[in-house]
């Protein structure tokens, strides 16, 4: 069993997610109380929460509590797109990511010291990357168990970073109100508080048989274990992968002059991961974010599945051509490339080419994969990228293989 002297489980949770997306995309909403959804509150910004507004509250009650709130309709496509961008960053920084919902996930950052840095450093960089590349606030909890990492992120909100060091878990946990424990809702909290059990430390002091008698066998044993930070669950990946993607940020208001080089780098990166997974895909998607945080998406579906870098680059260039007028007019802050509609059967076919040419391209791709596997992802790159794209150089970090 792996034992670490550092916490290695991250719980990453976007703050007031829907409302934060609205504030990001509409400058006039920033710093203002925002309610997403009219009839029932879907989300509330922290400015509205300070006035007592909560998710699932009736719209009339929310407006009574916060009469100066700005009410906006939900934009589900924008939230899905933002979540996709955030999870793409998560998967760049950790090999195992377990999504809990559209706006939160666990990340296992064990054993990455020589690739990404210490768990503390990864947690810090994760917040910075989400803010820089997606424009959203993220709270991160870092601890030795999933339960405690989630508790830490809850305590650290909003836009916080809370690290619970190994050996300090119970000192941190036992001072918190009982409502911080998973599984304690209002009814259970009321029953415990009626017994003068108000803190997690007080809960931990109750013998397990007494909790079982009070709350039932399953819940009593569960809460007793969590009060002692006993949570053996490991971070599990999301299951079968539906797509492979990569993205790269530009300085705010950047131009599209280096886009072709970045597309090549992104294609090299994601197809290398595809080949390692024995996957090929048919649908190529180009995602762009402009200087005003508006977005555009272009996609096409190929006749046959491929994991060829050249084939993906060719498709991406066609998509880019259709979007260049927008880029030239509005500036570009992020470009992303994804391949979906996957086929994971061994021997997946490539785009139609003469047999010899197809074999040569695949042999080249595999040879480059082998070099990067042995000597690191930055050991070989395209000459067209050298000295031209510092943003991509920073993105192609050693060990970044996803």
Protein backbone atom coordinates (compact mmCIF):
# COMPACT_ATOMS: atom_id res chain seq x y z
CA UNK A 1 0.00 0.00 0.00
CA UNK A 2 1.31 3.44 -0.95
CA UNK A 3 1.93 5.70 2.06
CA UNK A 4 2.89 9.34 1.55
CA UNK A 5 4.19 11.95 3.94
CA UNK A 6 2.22 14.54 1.97
CA UNK A 7 -1.47 14.88 1.14
CA UNK A 8 -2.02 13.71 -2.44
CA UNK A 9 -5.78 13.96 -3.11
CA UNK A 10 -7.20 17.18 -4.51
CA UNK A 11 -10.84 18.16 -4.49
CA UNK A 12 -11.33 20.93 -7.06
CA UNK A 13 -14.63 22.79 -6.96
CA UNK A 14 -15.66 25.72 -9.15
CA UNK A 15 -17.20 28.57 -7.17
CA UNK A 16 -20.86 29.43 -7.87
CA UNK A 17 -20.27 27.82 -11.25
CA UNK A 18 -23.23 28.95 -13.36
CA UNK A 19 -23.17 32.46 -11.90
CA UNK A 20 -19.39 32.69 -12.34
CA UNK A 21 -19.72 31.79 -16.03
CA UNK A 22 -22.30 34.57 -16.42
CA UNK A 23 -20.03 37.08 -14.67
CA UNK A 24 -17.07 35.99 -16.77
CA UNK A 25 -18.94 36.38 -20.04
CA UNK A 26 -20.73 39.64 -19.20
CA UNK A 27 -18.51 42.33 -17.64
CA UNK A 28 -21.47 44.35 -16.29
CA UNK A 29 -22.34 41.44 -13.97
CA UNK A 30 -18.95 41.31 -12.26
CA UNK A 31 -19.10 42.25 -8.60
CA UNK A 32 -22.91 42.36 -8.76
CA UNK A 33 -25.42 39.95 -7.18
CA UNK A 34 -26.43 37.51 -9.92
CA UNK A 35 -29.21 34.93 -9.86
CA UNK A 36 -29.36 32.30 -12.58
CA UNK A 37 -32.93 31.18 -13.21
CA UNK A 38 -36.14 33.06 -12.54
CA UNK A 39 -38.79 30.65 -11.24
CA UNK A 40 -36.34 28.61 -9.18
CA UNK A 41 -32.78 29.71 -8.40
CA UNK A 42 -30.35 27.52 -10.35
CA UNK A 43 -27.29 29.32 -8.97
CA UNK A 44 -26.40 32.49 -7.11
CA UNK A 45 -23.20 34.50 -7.11
CA UNK A 46 -21.45 35.04 -3.80
CA UNK A 47 -22.70 38.62 -3.80
CA UNK A 48 -26.28 37.25 -3.84
CA UNK A 49 -25.46 34.50 -1.35
CA UNK A 50 -24.33 37.14 1.11
CA UNK A 51 -27.98 38.30 1.13
CA UNK A 52 -29.27 34.79 1.85
CA UNK A 53 -30.04 33.61 -1.69
CA UNK A 54 -29.45 29.89 -2.22
CA UNK A 55 -29.83 27.34 -5.03
CA UNK A 56 -33.28 25.71 -5.31
CA UNK A 57 -34.89 28.72 -3.58
CA UNK A 58 -38.01 30.14 -5.15
CA UNK A 59 -37.36 33.13 -7.37
CA UNK A 60 -39.83 35.36 -5.52
CA UNK A 61 -38.16 34.70 -2.18
CA UNK A 62 -34.71 35.26 -3.72
CA UNK A 63 -35.74 38.64 -5.12
CA UNK A 64 -37.25 39.63 -1.76
CA UNK A 65 -33.94 38.88 -0.03
CA UNK A 66 -31.88 40.56 -2.73
CA UNK A 67 -34.02 43.10 -4.62
CA UNK A 68 -31.03 44.51 -6.52
CA UNK A 69 -30.03 41.10 -7.93
CA UNK A 70 -29.67 40.71 -11.67
CA UNK A 71 -31.64 37.68 -12.84
CA UNK A 72 -30.41 35.92 -15.97
CA UNK A 73 -31.73 32.82 -17.74
CA UNK A 74 -29.52 29.72 -17.63
CA UNK A 75 -27.28 29.05 -20.65
CA UNK A 76 -26.67 25.32 -20.45
CA UNK A 77 -24.45 25.12 -23.51
CA UNK A 78 -22.10 27.73 -22.03
CA UNK A 79 -21.86 25.79 -18.77
CA UNK A 80 -21.15 22.51 -20.53
CA UNK A 81 -18.47 24.18 -22.63
CA UNK A 82 -16.85 25.77 -19.56
CA UNK A 83 -16.92 22.43 -17.72
CA UNK A 84 -15.29 20.72 -20.68
CA UNK A 85 -12.51 23.31 -20.67
CA UNK A 86 -11.97 22.93 -16.93
CA UNK A 87 -11.81 19.14 -17.06
CA UNK A 88 -9.32 19.35 -19.92
CA UNK A 89 -7.02 21.29 -17.59
CA UNK A 90 -7.61 18.79 -14.79
CA UNK A 91 -6.53 15.93 -17.05
CA UNK A 92 -3.38 17.79 -18.05
CA UNK A 93 -2.30 18.07 -14.43
CA UNK A 94 -3.27 14.65 -13.05
CA UNK A 95 -3.32 11.14 -14.55
CA UNK A 96 -6.42 10.13 -12.56
CA UNK A 97 -9.43 12.45 -12.49
CA UNK A 98 -12.79 11.47 -11.00
CA UNK A 99 -15.61 13.82 -11.92
CA UNK A 100 -18.32 14.26 -9.32
CA UNK A 101 -20.46 16.71 -11.26
CA UNK A 102 -20.21 19.33 -13.96
CA UNK A 103 -18.19 21.61 -11.65
CA UNK A 104 -16.15 19.45 -9.27
CA UNK A 105 -13.70 16.56 -9.34
CA UNK A 106 -11.14 14.61 -7.38
CA UNK A 107 -7.57 14.43 -8.69
CA UNK A 108 -4.91 11.96 -7.55
CA UNK A 109 -1.51 13.67 -7.72
CA UNK A 110 0.64 10.92 -6.19
CA UNK A 111 4.08 10.32 -7.64
CA UNK A 112 4.21 13.41 -9.84
CA UNK A 113 7.07 15.20 -8.06
CA UNK A 114 9.53 14.72 -10.94
CA UNK A 115 6.93 15.56 -13.60
CA UNK A 116 4.61 18.23 -12.23
CA UNK A 117 6.06 19.12 -8.83
CA UNK A 118 4.84 18.64 -5.28
CA UNK A 119 1.13 18.18 -4.50
CA UNK A 120 1.13 21.67 -2.97
CA UNK A 121 2.67 23.13 -6.12
CA UNK A 122 0.18 21.29 -8.33
CA UNK A 123 -2.73 22.62 -6.26
CA UNK A 124 -1.43 26.18 -6.60
CA UNK A 125 -0.82 25.85 -10.34
CA UNK A 126 -4.21 24.25 -10.91
CA UNK A 127 -5.98 27.31 -9.53
CA UNK A 128 -3.81 29.62 -11.63
CA UNK A 129 -4.35 27.62 -14.82
CA UNK A 130 -8.13 27.52 -14.45
CA UNK A 131 -8.20 31.28 -13.81
CA UNK A 132 -5.86 32.04 -16.71
CA UNK A 133 -7.20 29.66 -19.31
CA UNK A 134 -10.89 29.37 -18.44
CA UNK A 135 -11.44 32.60 -16.53
CA UNK A 136 -13.24 31.01 -13.56
CA UNK A 137 -12.55 30.93 -9.80
CA UNK A 138 -11.66 27.52 -8.37
CA UNK A 139 -11.38 26.39 -4.78
CA UNK A 140 -8.97 23.56 -4.07
CA UNK A 141 -8.77 21.30 -1.03
CA UNK A 142 -5.70 19.05 -0.67
CA UNK A 143 -5.70 16.25 1.90
CA UNK A 144 -4.86 12.60 2.53
CA UNK A 145 -8.41 11.28 1.89
CA UNK A 146 -11.23 12.10 -0.50
CA UNK A 147 -13.52 12.97 2.39
CA UNK A 148 -11.10 15.42 3.95
CA UNK A 149 -10.14 17.00 0.61
CA UNK A 150 -13.82 17.76 -0.03
CA UNK A 151 -14.23 19.15 3.50
CA UNK A 152 -11.14 21.33 2.95
CA UNK A 153 -12.48 22.81 -0.29
CA UNK A 154 -15.79 23.55 1.40
CA UNK A 155 -14.04 25.39 4.24
CA UNK A 156 -11.76 27.20 1.79
CA UNK A 157 -14.50 28.72 -0.36
CA UNK A 158 -14.69 30.98 -2.22
CA UNK A 159 -11.63 31.04 -4.50
CA UNK A 160 -9.47 29.46 -1.83
CA UNK A 161 -6.72 26.90 -1.36
CA UNK A 162 -6.73 24.86 1.84
CA UNK A 163 -4.09 22.20 2.48
CA UNK A 164 -4.46 19.75 5.36
CA UNK A 165 -1.02 18.35 6.06
CA UNK A 166 -0.44 14.71 6.95
CA UNK A 167 -0.52 14.36 10.72
CA UNK A 168 -2.74 17.42 11.17
CA UNK A 169 -5.98 15.91 9.84
CA UNK A 170 -7.85 15.32 13.09
CA UNK A 171 -6.80 18.66 14.55
CA UNK A 172 -8.34 20.38 11.53
CA UNK A 173 -11.40 18.16 11.26
CA UNK A 174 -12.48 17.93 14.88
CA UNK A 175 -12.91 21.67 15.29
CA UNK A 176 -15.51 21.91 12.52
CA UNK A 177 -19.32 21.87 12.95
CA UNK A 178 -20.93 18.49 12.36
CA UNK A 179 -22.59 19.77 9.16
CA UNK A 180 -19.24 19.48 7.39
CA UNK A 181 -19.43 15.66 7.48
CA UNK A 182 -20.79 13.90 4.40
CA UNK A 183 -24.14 12.34 5.19
CA UNK A 184 -25.18 14.83 7.86
CA UNK A 185 -28.13 16.79 6.56
CA UNK A 186 -30.48 19.08 8.48
CA UNK A 187 -32.48 16.22 10.07
CA UNK A 188 -29.43 14.25 11.19
CA UNK A 189 -27.76 17.42 12.43
CA UNK A 190 -30.84 18.25 14.50
CA UNK A 191 -30.79 14.79 16.10
CA UNK A 192 -27.11 15.06 16.93
CA UNK A 193 -27.38 18.61 18.26
CA UNK A 194 -30.27 17.49 20.48
CA UNK A 195 -27.67 15.20 22.11
CA UNK A 196 -25.27 18.18 22.37
CA UNK A 197 -23.05 16.75 19.61
CA UNK A 198 -22.17 19.93 17.73
CA UNK A 199 -18.62 19.43 16.42
CA UNK A 200 -16.88 16.70 14.45
CA UNK A 201 -14.65 16.17 17.48
CA UNK A 202 -17.74 15.62 19.61
CA UNK A 203 -19.02 13.15 17.03
CA UNK A 204 -15.69 11.28 17.06
CA UNK A 205 -15.88 10.97 20.86
CA UNK A 206 -19.17 9.05 20.69
CA UNK A 207 -18.57 5.28 20.70
CA UNK A 208 -19.65 3.61 17.48
CA UNK A 209 -22.35 1.43 19.14
CA UNK A 210 -24.04 4.57 20.47
CA UNK A 211 -24.10 6.17 17.02
CA UNK A 212 -25.48 2.94 15.54
CA UNK A 213 -28.24 2.92 18.17
CA UNK A 214 -29.05 6.57 17.44
CA UNK A 215 -28.79 6.64 13.65
CA UNK A 216 -28.94 3.04 12.44
CA UNK A 217 -26.19 0.60 11.56
CA UNK A 218 -25.14 1.94 8.14
CA UNK A 219 -25.21 5.65 8.92
CA UNK A 220 -23.80 5.26 12.42
CA UNK A 221 -20.77 3.29 11.23
CA UNK A 222 -20.28 5.59 8.27
CA UNK A 223 -20.27 8.79 10.32
CA UNK A 224 -18.04 7.28 13.02
CA UNK A 225 -15.44 6.36 10.39
CA UNK A 226 -15.51 9.79 8.74
CA UNK A 227 -15.22 11.58 12.08
CA UNK A 228 -11.89 9.76 12.45
CA UNK A 229 -10.92 10.52 8.81
CA UNK A 230 -11.14 6.86 7.87
CA UNK A 231 -11.93 6.89 4.16
CA UNK A 232 -10.15 4.16 2.15
CA UNK A 233 -11.70 5.11 -1.20
CA UNK A 234 -9.26 5.77 -4.01
CA UNK A 235 -9.71 8.32 -6.75
CA UNK A 236 -11.17 6.49 -9.74
CA UNK A 237 -11.02 7.61 -13.33
CA UNK A 238 -14.25 8.52 -15.11
CA UNK A 239 -14.39 5.28 -17.05
CA UNK A 240 -14.32 4.89 -20.79
CA UNK A 241 -12.94 7.94 -22.47
CA UNK A 242 -15.21 9.71 -24.96
CA UNK A 243 -12.66 12.08 -26.43
CA UNK A 244 -9.05 13.26 -26.43
CA UNK A 245 -8.30 16.95 -26.29
CA UNK A 246 -5.64 19.58 -25.72
CA UNK A 247 -5.69 23.34 -25.54
CA UNK A 248 -3.31 26.29 -25.34
CA UNK A 249 -3.78 29.85 -24.13
CA UNK A 250 -2.69 33.08 -25.79
CA UNK A 251 -1.97 36.41 -24.11
CA UNK A 252 -5.20 38.41 -23.89
CA UNK A 253 -6.03 39.96 -27.23
CA UNK A 254 -3.47 37.87 -29.10
CA UNK A 255 -3.57 37.44 -32.85
CA UNK A 256 -3.88 34.29 -34.90
CA UNK A 257 -0.38 34.52 -36.37
CA UNK A 258 0.98 31.51 -34.45
CA UNK A 259 -2.18 29.41 -34.63
CA UNK A 260 -0.88 26.97 -37.22
CA UNK A 261 2.12 26.11 -35.08
CA UNK A 262 -0.05 25.64 -32.05
CA UNK A 263 -2.46 23.41 -33.94
CA UNK A 264 0.45 21.20 -34.96
CA UNK A 265 1.66 20.99 -31.38
CA UNK A 266 -1.82 20.22 -30.05
CA UNK A 267 -2.37 17.56 -32.70
CA UNK A 268 0.97 15.91 -31.90
CA UNK A 269 0.11 15.86 -28.25
CA UNK A 270 -3.41 14.44 -28.38
CA UNK A 271 -2.68 11.88 -31.10
CA UNK A 272 0.28 10.62 -29.09
CA UNK A 273 -2.12 9.97 -26.21
CA UNK A 274 -4.60 8.35 -28.58
CA UNK A 275 -2.02 5.95 -29.95
CA UNK A 276 -0.90 5.06 -26.43
CA UNK A 277 -4.52 4.19 -25.63
CA UNK A 278 -5.01 2.24 -28.87
CA UNK A 279 -7.71 4.69 -29.94
CA UNK A 280 -8.65 6.41 -33.19
CA UNK A 281 -11.38 8.95 -33.81
CA UNK A 282 -13.53 10.40 -36.57
CA UNK A 283 -14.78 13.76 -35.28
CA UNK A 284 -12.32 16.66 -35.07
CA UNK A 285 -13.42 19.72 -33.09
CA UNK A 286 -11.73 23.12 -32.96
CA UNK A 287 -12.62 25.35 -30.01
CA UNK A 288 -11.74 29.04 -29.86
CA UNK A 289 -12.09 31.62 -27.13
CA UNK A 290 -11.86 35.29 -28.06
CA UNK A 291 -10.60 38.28 -26.13
CA UNK A 292 -14.14 39.08 -24.91
CA UNK A 293 -14.52 35.45 -23.62
CA UNK A 294 -17.07 34.62 -26.29
CA UNK A 295 -16.48 31.26 -27.93
CA UNK A 296 -16.78 29.51 -31.24
CA UNK A 297 -16.71 25.83 -32.11
CA UNK A 298 -16.10 24.19 -35.47
CA UNK A 299 -16.17 20.45 -36.12
CA UNK A 300 -16.10 17.93 -38.92
CA UNK A 301 -16.43 14.16 -39.14
CA UNK A 302 -13.93 12.15 -41.17
CA UNK A 303 -14.81 9.16 -43.31
CA UNK A 304 -12.75 6.74 -41.22
CA UNK A 305 -11.17 6.80 -37.73
CA UNK A 306 -7.60 8.06 -37.42
CA UNK A 307 -4.87 8.69 -34.88
CA UNK A 308 -2.53 10.26 -37.43
CA UNK A 309 -1.08 13.65 -36.49
CA UNK A 310 -1.04 14.79 -40.11
CA UNK A 311 -4.67 13.81 -40.69
CA UNK A 312 -5.84 15.68 -37.59
CA UNK A 313 -3.77 18.75 -38.51
CA UNK A 314 -5.26 18.76 -42.02
CA UNK A 315 -8.80 18.67 -40.64
CA UNK A 316 -8.02 21.33 -38.03
CA UNK A 317 -6.62 23.67 -40.68
CA UNK A 318 -9.83 23.46 -42.68
CA UNK A 319 -11.84 24.30 -39.56
CA UNK A 320 -9.49 27.13 -38.69
CA UNK A 321 -9.90 28.66 -42.13
CA UNK A 322 -13.63 29.07 -41.59
CA UNK A 323 -13.04 30.85 -38.27
CA UNK A 324 -10.20 33.20 -39.29
CA UNK A 325 -12.44 36.24 -39.95
CA UNK A 326 -13.69 36.05 -36.35
CA UNK A 327 -10.14 35.66 -34.99
CA UNK A 328 -8.82 38.62 -36.98
CA UNK A 329 -11.68 40.81 -35.82
CA UNK A 330 -11.90 39.81 -32.14
CA UNK A 331 -8.48 38.49 -31.10
CA UNK A 332 -7.83 35.06 -29.65
CA UNK A 333 -7.12 33.93 -26.05
CA UNK A 334 -7.40 30.14 -26.30
CA UNK A 335 -7.39 27.42 -28.94
CA UNK A 336 -8.41 23.84 -28.26
CA UNK A 337 -8.42 20.73 -30.39
CA UNK A 338 -10.34 17.54 -29.66
CA UNK A 339 -10.96 14.20 -31.33
CA UNK A 340 -14.10 12.26 -30.44
CA UNK A 341 -16.36 9.56 -31.92
CA UNK A 342 -13.68 7.11 -30.82
CA UNK A 343 -12.90 3.60 -31.95
CA UNK A 344 -10.70 1.73 -29.43
CA UNK A 345 -10.37 -1.51 -31.34
CA UNK A 346 -6.82 -2.57 -32.11
CA UNK A 347 -5.76 -1.81 -35.65
CA UNK A 348 -8.15 1.07 -36.18
CA UNK A 349 -7.81 2.33 -39.71
CA UNK A 350 -6.42 5.69 -40.77
CA UNK A 351 -7.66 8.18 -43.32
CA UNK A 352 -7.55 6.88 -46.83
CA UNK A 353 -4.02 7.10 -48.21
CA UNK A 354 -1.99 4.89 -50.50
CA UNK A 355 -0.94 1.87 -48.42
CA UNK A 356 2.77 2.74 -48.48
CA UNK A 357 2.19 6.38 -47.50
CA UNK A 358 -0.14 5.38 -44.69
CA UNK A 359 2.38 2.88 -43.36
CA UNK A 360 5.20 5.41 -43.52
CA UNK A 361 3.19 8.01 -41.61
CA UNK A 362 2.19 5.53 -38.94
CA UNK A 363 5.78 4.32 -38.62
CA UNK A 364 6.93 7.92 -38.19
CA UNK A 365 4.28 8.64 -35.56
CA UNK A 366 5.23 5.53 -33.60
CA UNK A 367 8.95 6.31 -33.83
CA UNK A 368 8.34 9.81 -32.46
CA UNK A 369 6.16 8.36 -29.70
CA UNK A 370 8.98 6.04 -28.69
CA UNK A 371 11.54 8.85 -28.56
CA UNK A 372 9.26 11.02 -26.41
CA UNK A 373 8.44 8.11 -24.13
CA UNK A 374 12.12 7.36 -23.53
CA UNK A 375 13.53 10.88 -23.34
CA UNK A 376 10.54 13.07 -22.45
CA UNK A 377 7.83 14.89 -24.45
CA UNK A 378 10.04 17.92 -25.05
CA UNK A 379 12.96 15.84 -26.39
CA UNK A 380 11.78 16.25 -29.97
CA UNK A 381 9.56 18.85 -31.56
CA UNK A 382 8.78 20.28 -34.95
CA UNK A 383 11.34 22.74 -36.34
CA UNK A 384 8.48 25.10 -37.19
CA UNK A 385 7.78 25.52 -33.47
CA UNK A 386 11.31 26.30 -32.31
CA UNK A 387 11.70 29.81 -30.95
CA UNK A 388 8.28 30.90 -32.18
CA UNK A 389 5.80 29.96 -29.53
CA UNK A 390 6.75 30.35 -25.87
CA UNK A 391 3.19 29.60 -24.82
CA UNK A 392 3.37 26.21 -26.45
CA UNK A 393 6.82 25.56 -25.00
CA UNK A 394 5.45 26.13 -21.53
CA UNK A 395 2.53 23.88 -22.32
CA UNK A 396 4.75 21.00 -23.54
CA UNK A 397 6.14 20.26 -20.09
CA UNK A 398 8.26 17.16 -19.40
CA UNK A 399 6.06 14.22 -18.56
CA UNK A 400 2.92 15.81 -19.93
CA UNK A 401 1.43 12.74 -21.53
CA UNK A 402 -2.02 12.72 -19.92
